[in-house]
Amino acid sequence: MRPPAPATAAPAVTLTFDNGPDPDATPGVLDVLRRRGISATFFVVGARLAEAARRALAERAHAEGHWIGNHSFTHAGPLGERRDRGHAAAEIGRTQDVIGTLAHPDRLFRPVGGGGRLGPHLLSAEARDHLAAGGYTVALWSAVPGDWRDAEGWPDRAVEQCLAQPRPVLVLHDIAGGAMRHLDAVLGRLADAGATFRQDFPAACVPMRRGVPGAGLADIVTPDDAGLLDPAHPRPAA
């Protein structure tokens, strides 16, 4: 008789929030995390920190032990689709300047995914080089339940996706829309299933650490020969 298969180990979940801070959603998220004793990472949009109320929320998150990461200045789209020169400094560098003293020592950066997709659309070669020169750590994801587009249906997907992996990095969004009213219940379901929560990022989701390229970085960078160049400086004909 074949011995029974070993039980799948309960996952250790890295919890992250994108696109905030938001005065309607972020306070409630922080309240839930504080009550449950969970530390997370908030990847903020730089332009939003210009508002005093939103900046105060980022400061509160930092003071309560959460990490603050960079999620571009405008969140206008994946950087691998940008053709304009200087976009890396405008989107990444400018946001890091705004984050200032709230920044994590690893200078965490999360690319805009355009719907949670992974692929070469995430970074341009210019963005890659800017991140390397600045000593950034690129933090990706592995569980995307789509809370921003399905405020009621995402909880089941979040639990399913997290329980299917040993070290999931869960992406949620502290934005208006009501999805985060289910956050406490989702965290409770995960905890009841044996999941634990960690703040660090697994190596599989970190293709660059402190500016040093790692495995998988080439998979998220648009090649220079993909046609995404500055129209003012076209590639010479072959």
C-alpha atoms as a PDB file:
ATOM      1  CA  MET A   1       0.000   0.000   0.000  1.00  0.00           C
ATOM      2  CA  ARG A   2       1.325   3.417  -0.939  1.00  0.00           C
ATOM      3  CA  PRO A   3       1.898   5.644   2.102  1.00  0.00           C
ATOM      4  CA  PRO A   4      -0.364   8.678   2.339  1.00  0.00           C
ATOM      5  CA  ALA A   5       0.928  11.857   0.756  1.00  0.00           C
ATOM      6  CA  PRO A   6       2.278  14.339   3.278  1.00  0.00           C
ATOM      7  CA  ALA A   7      -0.062  17.160   4.141  1.00  0.00           C
ATOM      8  CA  THR A   8       0.617  20.441   2.407  1.00  0.00           C
ATOM      9  CA  ALA A   9       2.287  22.841   4.779  1.00  0.00           C
ATOM     10  CA  ALA A  10       0.250  25.864   5.725  1.00  0.00           C
ATOM     11  CA  PRO A  11       1.376  28.932   3.801  1.00  0.00           C
ATOM     12  CA  ALA A  12       3.315  31.901   5.098  1.00  0.00           C
ATOM     13  CA  VAL A  13       1.621  34.880   3.469  1.00  0.00           C
ATOM     14  CA  THR A  14       3.282  38.184   2.652  1.00  0.00           C
ATOM     15  CA  LEU A  15       0.492  40.753   2.660  1.00  0.00           C
ATOM     16  CA  THR A  16       0.748  43.847   0.448  1.00  0.00           C
ATOM     17  CA  PHE A  17      -1.467  46.762  -0.525  1.00  0.00           C
ATOM     18  CA  ASP A  18      -1.187  48.826  -3.703  1.00  0.00           C
ATOM     19  CA  ASN A  19      -2.399  52.170  -5.051  1.00  0.00           C
ATOM     20  CA  GLY A  20      -3.044  54.022  -1.796  1.00  0.00           C
ATOM     21  CA  PRO A  21      -3.122  55.679   0.544  1.00  0.00           C
ATOM     22  CA  ASP A  22      -6.848  56.351   0.423  1.00  0.00           C
ATOM     23  CA  PRO A  23      -8.802  58.211   3.120  1.00  0.00           C
ATOM     24  CA  ASP A  24     -11.804  55.908   2.718  1.00  0.00           C
ATOM     25  CA  ALA A  25     -10.006  52.555   2.701  1.00  0.00           C
ATOM     26  CA  THR A  26      -6.587  52.827   4.339  1.00  0.00           C
ATOM     27  CA  PRO A  27      -7.701  53.694   7.909  1.00  0.00           C
ATOM     28  CA  GLY A  28      -9.872  50.593   8.102  1.00  0.00           C
ATOM     29  CA  VAL A  29      -7.106  48.429   6.666  1.00  0.00           C
ATOM     30  CA  LEU A  30      -4.673  49.726   9.270  1.00  0.00           C
ATOM     31  CA  ASP A  31      -7.193  49.110  12.034  1.00  0.00           C
ATOM     32  CA  VAL A  32      -7.637  45.476  10.956  1.00  0.00           C
ATOM     33  CA  LEU A  33      -3.902  44.872  10.715  1.00  0.00           C
ATOM     34  CA  ARG A  34      -3.277  46.409  14.125  1.00  0.00           C
ATOM     35  CA  ARG A  35      -6.001  44.330  15.722  1.00  0.00           C
ATOM     36  CA  ARG A  36      -4.616  41.132  14.196  1.00  0.00           C
ATOM     37  CA  GLY A  37      -0.968  41.987  14.773  1.00  0.00           C
ATOM     38  CA  ILE A  38      -0.039  41.650  11.088  1.00  0.00           C
ATOM     39  CA  SER A  39       2.662  43.714   9.423  1.00  0.00           C
ATOM     40  CA  ALA A  40       2.278  44.455   5.721  1.00  0.00           C
ATOM     41  CA  THR A  41       3.816  46.546   2.943  1.00  0.00           C
ATOM     42  CA  PHE A  42       2.028  49.498   1.348  1.00  0.00           C
ATOM     43  CA  PHE A  43       3.149  50.320  -2.186  1.00  0.00           C
ATOM     44  CA  VAL A  44       2.086  53.933  -2.551  1.00  0.00           C
ATOM     45  CA  VAL A  45       1.431  56.068  -5.617  1.00  0.00           C
ATOM     46  CA  GLY A  46       3.685  59.110  -5.373  1.00  0.00           C
ATOM     47  CA  ALA A  47       1.221  61.707  -6.627  1.00  0.00           C
ATOM     48  CA  ARG A  48      -1.195  60.790  -3.841  1.00  0.00           C
ATOM     49  CA  LEU A  49       1.277  61.685  -1.128  1.00  0.00           C
ATOM     50  CA  ALA A  50       1.013  65.327  -2.189  1.00  0.00           C
ATOM     51  CA  GLU A  51      -2.279  65.496  -0.243  1.00  0.00           C
ATOM     52  CA  ALA A  52      -1.714  66.064   3.464  1.00  0.00           C
ATOM     53  CA  ALA A  53      -4.407  63.587   4.530  1.00  0.00           C
ATOM     54  CA  ARG A  54      -2.939  60.818   2.391  1.00  0.00           C
ATOM     55  CA  ARG A  55       0.588  61.589   3.521  1.00  0.00           C
ATOM     56  CA  ALA A  56      -0.598  61.315   7.111  1.00  0.00           C
ATOM     57  CA  LEU A  57      -1.934  57.832   6.394  1.00  0.00           C
ATOM     58  CA  ALA A  58       1.424  56.735   5.000  1.00  0.00           C
ATOM     59  CA  GLU A  59       3.065  58.166   8.105  1.00  0.00           C
ATOM     60  CA  ARG A  60       0.644  56.259  10.313  1.00  0.00           C
ATOM     61  CA  ALA A  61       1.340  53.014   8.440  1.00  0.00           C
ATOM     62  CA  HIS A  62       5.072  53.540   8.839  1.00  0.00           C
ATOM     63  CA  ALA A  63       4.729  54.351  12.532  1.00  0.00           C
ATOM     64  CA  GLU A  64       2.740  51.145  13.072  1.00  0.00           C
ATOM     65  CA  GLY A  65       5.513  49.007  11.617  1.00  0.00           C
ATOM     66  CA  HIS A  66       4.392  48.603   8.026  1.00  0.00           C
ATOM     67  CA  TRP A  67       6.837  49.004   5.166  1.00  0.00           C
ATOM     68  CA  ILE A  68       6.323  51.739   2.590  1.00  0.00           C
ATOM     69  CA  GLY A  69       7.210  50.925  -1.010  1.00  0.00           C
ATOM     70  CA  ASN A  70       7.227  52.757  -4.324  1.00  0.00           C
ATOM     71  CA  HIS A  71       4.484  52.047  -6.893  1.00  0.00           C
ATOM     72  CA  SER A  72       5.313  54.795  -9.431  1.00  0.00           C
ATOM     73  CA  PHE A  73       4.266  58.426  -9.392  1.00  0.00           C
ATOM     74  CA  THR A  74       1.204  58.363 -11.654  1.00  0.00           C
ATOM     75  CA  HIS A  75       0.259  54.665 -11.908  1.00  0.00           C
ATOM     76  CA  ALA A  76      -0.492  55.445 -15.548  1.00  0.00           C
ATOM     77  CA  GLY A  77       0.527  52.029 -16.828  1.00  0.00           C
ATOM     78  CA  PRO A  78       3.346  49.482 -17.010  1.00  0.00           C
ATOM     79  CA  LEU A  79       6.744  51.080 -17.499  1.00  0.00           C
ATOM     80  CA  GLY A  80       7.683  48.520 -20.118  1.00  0.00           C
ATOM     81  CA  GLU A  81       5.161  50.182 -22.404  1.00  0.00           C
ATOM     82  CA  ARG A  82       6.705  53.639 -22.074  1.00  0.00           C
ATOM     83  CA  ARG A  83       8.527  55.158 -25.032  1.00  0.00           C
ATOM     84  CA  ASP A  84       9.500  58.525 -23.588  1.00  0.00           C
ATOM     85  CA  ARG A  85      12.999  59.082 -22.313  1.00  0.00           C
ATOM     86  CA  GLY A  86      13.271  60.070 -18.660  1.00  0.00           C
ATOM     87  CA  HIS A  87      10.173  58.163 -17.572  1.00  0.00           C
ATOM     88  CA  ALA A  88      12.099  56.102 -15.017  1.00  0.00           C
ATOM     89  CA  ALA A  89      13.266  59.147 -13.071  1.00  0.00           C
ATOM     90  CA  ALA A  90       9.821  60.744 -13.370  1.00  0.00           C
ATOM     91  CA  GLU A  91       7.922  57.684 -12.143  1.00  0.00           C
ATOM     92  CA  ILE A  92      10.370  55.920  -9.832  1.00  0.00           C
ATOM     93  CA  GLY A  93      12.866  58.527  -8.679  1.00  0.00           C
ATOM     94  CA  ARG A  94      10.266  61.222  -8.077  1.00  0.00           C
ATOM     95  CA  THR A  95       8.152  58.877  -5.975  1.00  0.00           C
ATOM     96  CA  GLN A  96      11.135  57.828  -3.909  1.00  0.00           C
ATOM     97  CA  ASP A  97      11.901  61.466  -3.229  1.00  0.00           C
ATOM     98  CA  VAL A  98       8.320  62.022  -2.060  1.00  0.00           C
ATOM     99  CA  ILE A  99       8.387  58.940   0.176  1.00  0.00           C
ATOM    100  CA  GLY A 100      11.525  60.299   1.781  1.00  0.00           C
ATOM    101  CA  THR A 101      12.161  59.150   5.317  1.00  0.00           C
ATOM    102  CA  LEU A 102       9.234  56.725   5.197  1.00  0.00           C
ATOM    103  CA  ALA A 103      11.138  54.497   2.767  1.00  0.00           C
ATOM    104  CA  HIS A 104      12.295  51.014   3.654  1.00  0.00           C
ATOM    105  CA  PRO A 105      16.113  50.648   3.590  1.00  0.00           C
ATOM    106  CA  ASP A 106      15.801  48.235   0.649  1.00  0.00           C
ATOM    107  CA  ARG A 107      14.051  50.933  -1.439  1.00  0.00           C
ATOM    108  CA  LEU A 108      11.155  48.651  -2.322  1.00  0.00           C
ATOM    109  CA  PHE A 109       9.624  49.123  -5.764  1.00  0.00           C
ATOM    110  CA  ARG A 110       6.617  47.350  -7.260  1.00  0.00           C
ATOM    111  CA  PRO A 111       5.989  47.730 -10.998  1.00  0.00           C
ATOM    112  CA  VAL A 112       2.528  48.582 -12.274  1.00  0.00           C
ATOM    113  CA  GLY A 113       1.131  45.326 -13.609  1.00  0.00           C
ATOM    114  CA  GLY A 114      -1.788  46.421 -15.725  1.00  0.00           C
ATOM    115  CA  GLY A 115      -4.275  43.994 -14.202  1.00  0.00           C
ATOM    116  CA  GLY A 116      -1.905  41.843 -12.190  1.00  0.00           C
ATOM    117  CA  ARG A 117      -0.095  40.297 -15.134  1.00  0.00           C
ATOM    118  CA  LEU A 118       3.540  39.281 -14.946  1.00  0.00           C
ATOM    119  CA  GLY A 119       5.699  39.640 -18.039  1.00  0.00           C
ATOM    120  CA  PRO A 120       8.120  41.806 -20.003  1.00  0.00           C
ATOM    121  CA  HIS A 121       5.662  44.706 -20.032  1.00  0.00           C
ATOM    122  CA  LEU A 122       6.496  45.507 -16.402  1.00  0.00           C
ATOM    123  CA  LEU A 123       9.796  47.324 -16.889  1.00  0.00           C
ATOM    124  CA  SER A 124      11.568  49.136 -19.673  1.00  0.00           C
ATOM    125  CA  ALA A 125      15.333  48.810 -20.013  1.00  0.00           C
ATOM    126  CA  GLU A 126      15.537  52.398 -18.781  1.00  0.00           C
ATOM    127  CA  ALA A 127      13.535  51.539 -15.674  1.00  0.00           C
ATOM    128  CA  ARG A 128      15.663  48.455 -15.039  1.00  0.00           C
ATOM    129  CA  ASP A 129      18.851  50.502 -15.244  1.00  0.00           C
ATOM    130  CA  HIS A 130      17.421  53.222 -13.000  1.00  0.00           C
ATOM    131  CA  LEU A 131      16.445  50.653 -10.379  1.00  0.00           C
ATOM    132  CA  ALA A 132      19.857  48.993 -10.495  1.00  0.00           C
ATOM    133  CA  ALA A 133      21.730  52.287 -10.212  1.00  0.00           C
ATOM    134  CA  GLY A 134      19.546  53.361  -7.281  1.00  0.00           C
ATOM    135  CA  GLY A 135      19.927  50.127  -5.329  1.00  0.00           C
ATOM    136  CA  TYR A 136      16.219  49.284  -5.430  1.00  0.00           C
ATOM    137  CA  THR A 137      14.577  45.989  -4.546  1.00  0.00           C
ATOM    138  CA  VAL A 138      11.838  44.926  -6.965  1.00  0.00           C
ATOM    139  CA  ALA A 139       8.934  43.153  -5.257  1.00  0.00           C
ATOM    140  CA  LEU A 140       6.492  41.211  -7.424  1.00  0.00           C
ATOM    141  CA  TRP A 141       3.476  39.104  -6.463  1.00  0.00           C
ATOM    142  CA  SER A 142       1.984  35.618  -6.773  1.00  0.00           C
ATOM    143  CA  ALA A 143      -1.639  35.959  -5.613  1.00  0.00           C
ATOM    144  CA  VAL A 144      -3.912  38.506  -7.299  1.00  0.00           C
ATOM    145  CA  PRO A 145      -7.581  37.935  -6.417  1.00  0.00           C
ATOM    146  CA  GLY A 146      -8.827  41.036  -8.253  1.00  0.00           C
ATOM    147  CA  ASP A 147     -10.319  42.933  -5.330  1.00  0.00           C
ATOM    148  CA  TRP A 148     -10.283  46.207  -7.280  1.00  0.00           C
ATOM    149  CA  ARG A 149     -12.634  44.870  -9.940  1.00  0.00           C
ATOM    150  CA  ASP A 150     -14.790  42.496  -7.875  1.00  0.00           C
ATOM    151  CA  ALA A 151     -15.425  43.891  -4.422  1.00  0.00           C
ATOM    152  CA  GLU A 152     -17.617  40.955  -3.379  1.00  0.00           C
ATOM    153  CA  GLY A 153     -16.075  37.965  -5.149  1.00  0.00           C
ATOM    154  CA  TRP A 154     -12.391  38.399  -4.330  1.00  0.00           C
ATOM    155  CA  PRO A 155     -12.310  36.800  -0.849  1.00  0.00           C
ATOM    156  CA  ASP A 156     -12.771  33.212  -2.049  1.00  0.00           C
ATOM    157  CA  ARG A 157     -10.122  33.672  -4.721  1.00  0.00           C
ATOM    158  CA  ALA A 158      -7.701  35.199  -2.221  1.00  0.00           C
ATOM    159  CA  VAL A 159      -8.031  32.274   0.164  1.00  0.00           C
ATOM    160  CA  GLU A 160      -7.784  29.707  -2.634  1.00  0.00           C
ATOM    161  CA  GLN A 161      -4.722  31.303  -4.199  1.00  0.00           C
ATOM    162  CA  CYS A 162      -2.898  31.691  -0.900  1.00  0.00           C
ATOM    163  CA  LEU A 163      -3.578  28.169   0.327  1.00  0.00           C
ATOM    164  CA  ALA A 164      -2.252  26.762  -2.961  1.00  0.00           C
ATOM    165  CA  GLN A 165       1.259  28.172  -2.375  1.00  0.00           C
ATOM    166  CA  PRO A 166       3.834  27.812   0.384  1.00  0.00           C
ATOM    167  CA  ARG A 167       4.945  31.492   0.261  1.00  0.00           C
ATOM    168  CA  PRO A 168       2.316  33.594  -1.473  1.00  0.00           C
ATOM    169  CA  VAL A 169       2.687  37.331  -1.908  1.00  0.00           C
ATOM    170  CA  LEU A 170      -0.894  38.586  -1.820  1.00  0.00           C
ATOM    171  CA  VAL A 171      -1.759  41.841  -3.591  1.00  0.00           C
ATOM    172  CA  LEU A 172      -4.748  43.805  -2.334  1.00  0.00           C
ATOM    173  CA  HIS A 173      -5.649  47.453  -2.865  1.00  0.00           C
ATOM    174  CA  ASP A 174      -6.377  50.054  -0.197  1.00  0.00           C
ATOM    175  CA  ILE A 175      -8.577  52.111  -2.499  1.00  0.00           C
ATOM    176  CA  ALA A 176     -12.193  53.237  -2.513  1.00  0.00           C
ATOM    177  CA  GLY A 177     -14.788  50.730  -3.656  1.00  0.00           C
ATOM    178  CA  GLY A 178     -15.630  48.729  -0.565  1.00  0.00           C
ATOM    179  CA  ALA A 179     -13.535  45.625  -1.169  1.00  0.00           C
ATOM    180  CA  MET A 180     -11.531  46.033   2.015  1.00  0.00           C
ATOM    181  CA  ARG A 181     -14.583  45.611   4.212  1.00  0.00           C
ATOM    182  CA  HIS A 182     -13.933  41.879   3.715  1.00  0.00           C
ATOM    183  CA  LEU A 183     -10.279  42.059   4.745  1.00  0.00           C
ATOM    184  CA  ASP A 184     -10.747  40.964   8.340  1.00  0.00           C
ATOM    185  CA  ALA A 185     -12.836  37.956   7.316  1.00  0.00           C
ATOM    186  CA  VAL A 186     -10.268  36.879   4.714  1.00  0.00           C
ATOM    187  CA  LEU A 187      -7.402  37.131   7.186  1.00  0.00           C
ATOM    188  CA  GLY A 188      -9.461  35.136   9.662  1.00  0.00           C
ATOM    189  CA  ARG A 189     -10.162  32.397   7.110  1.00  0.00           C
ATOM    190  CA  LEU A 190      -6.479  32.157   6.271  1.00  0.00           C
ATOM    191  CA  ALA A 191      -5.498  32.007   9.929  1.00  0.00           C
ATOM    192  CA  ASP A 192      -8.117  29.323  10.584  1.00  0.00           C
ATOM    193  CA  ALA A 193      -6.575  27.294   7.748  1.00  0.00           C
ATOM    194  CA  GLY A 194      -3.204  27.482   9.465  1.00  0.00           C
ATOM    195  CA  ALA A 195      -1.662  30.293   7.466  1.00  0.00           C
ATOM    196  CA  THR A 196       0.839  32.606   9.087  1.00  0.00           C
ATOM    197  CA  PHE A 197       1.894  36.087   7.995  1.00  0.00           C
ATOM    198  CA  ARG A 198       5.371  37.388   7.273  1.00  0.00           C
ATOM    199  CA  GLN A 199       6.538  40.799   6.169  1.00  0.00           C
ATOM    200  CA  ASP A 200       9.532  39.772   4.071  1.00  0.00           C
ATOM    201  CA  PHE A 201       9.393  38.799   0.409  1.00  0.00           C
ATOM    202  CA  PRO A 202      10.316  35.321  -0.866  1.00  0.00           C
ATOM    203  CA  ALA A 203      13.190  35.132  -3.332  1.00  0.00           C
ATOM    204  CA  ALA A 204      10.872  33.948  -6.109  1.00  0.00           C
ATOM    205  CA  CYS A 205       9.153  37.337  -6.063  1.00  0.00           C
ATOM    206  CA  VAL A 206      12.324  39.451  -5.883  1.00  0.00           C
ATOM    207  CA  PRO A 207      14.051  39.623  -9.296  1.00  0.00           C
ATOM    208  CA  MET A 208      16.293  42.464  -8.101  1.00  0.00           C
ATOM    209  CA  ARG A 209      17.552  42.975  -4.562  1.00  0.00           C
ATOM    210  CA  ARG A 210      19.312  46.215  -3.596  1.00  0.00           C
ATOM    211  CA  GLY A 211      20.159  46.853  -7.227  1.00  0.00           C
ATOM    212  CA  VAL A 212      21.583  43.399  -7.913  1.00  0.00           C
ATOM    213  CA  PRO A 213      19.794  41.509 -10.706  1.00  0.00           C
ATOM    214  CA  GLY A 214      18.519  38.064  -9.826  1.00  0.00           C
ATOM    215  CA  ALA A 215      16.698  35.169 -11.404  1.00  0.00           C
ATOM    216  CA  GLY A 216      13.705  36.212 -13.441  1.00  0.00           C
ATOM    217  CA  LEU A 217      14.636  39.837 -14.024  1.00  0.00           C
ATOM    218  CA  ALA A 218      14.958  39.383 -17.779  1.00  0.00           C
ATOM    219  CA  ASP A 219      11.404  37.996 -17.832  1.00  0.00           C
ATOM    220  CA  ILE A 220       9.925  41.315 -16.698  1.00  0.00           C
ATOM    221  CA  VAL A 221      11.938  43.707 -18.900  1.00  0.00           C
ATOM    222  CA  THR A 222      10.888  44.758 -22.374  1.00  0.00           C
ATOM    223  CA  PRO A 223      13.848  44.138 -24.699  1.00  0.00           C
ATOM    224  CA  ASP A 224      15.452  47.190 -26.270  1.00  0.00           C
ATOM    225  CA  ASP A 225      14.582  45.770 -29.673  1.00  0.00           C
ATOM    226  CA  ALA A 226      10.867  45.444 -28.927  1.00  0.00           C
ATOM    227  CA  GLY A 227      10.047  48.708 -30.670  1.00  0.00           C
ATOM    228  CA  LEU A 228       9.396  50.653 -27.482  1.00  0.00           C
ATOM    229  CA  LEU A 229      11.919  53.394 -28.082  1.00  0.00           C
ATOM    230  CA  ASP A 230      11.707  57.135 -28.021  1.00  0.00           C
ATOM    231  CA  PRO A 231      10.025  58.139 -31.312  1.00  0.00           C
ATOM    232  CA  ALA A 232      12.397  61.102 -31.482  1.00  0.00           C
ATOM    233  CA  HIS A 233      15.349  58.701 -31.573  1.00  0.00           C
ATOM    234  CA  PRO A 234      14.247  55.771 -33.750  1.00  0.00           C
ATOM    235  CA  ARG A 235      16.421  52.726 -34.213  1.00  0.00           C
ATOM    236  CA  PRO A 236      18.544  52.877 -37.371  1.00  0.00           C
ATOM    237  CA  ALA A 237      17.356  50.691 -40.205  1.00  0.00           C
ATOM    238  CA  ALA A 238      19.098  47.363 -40.488  1.00  0.00           C
END
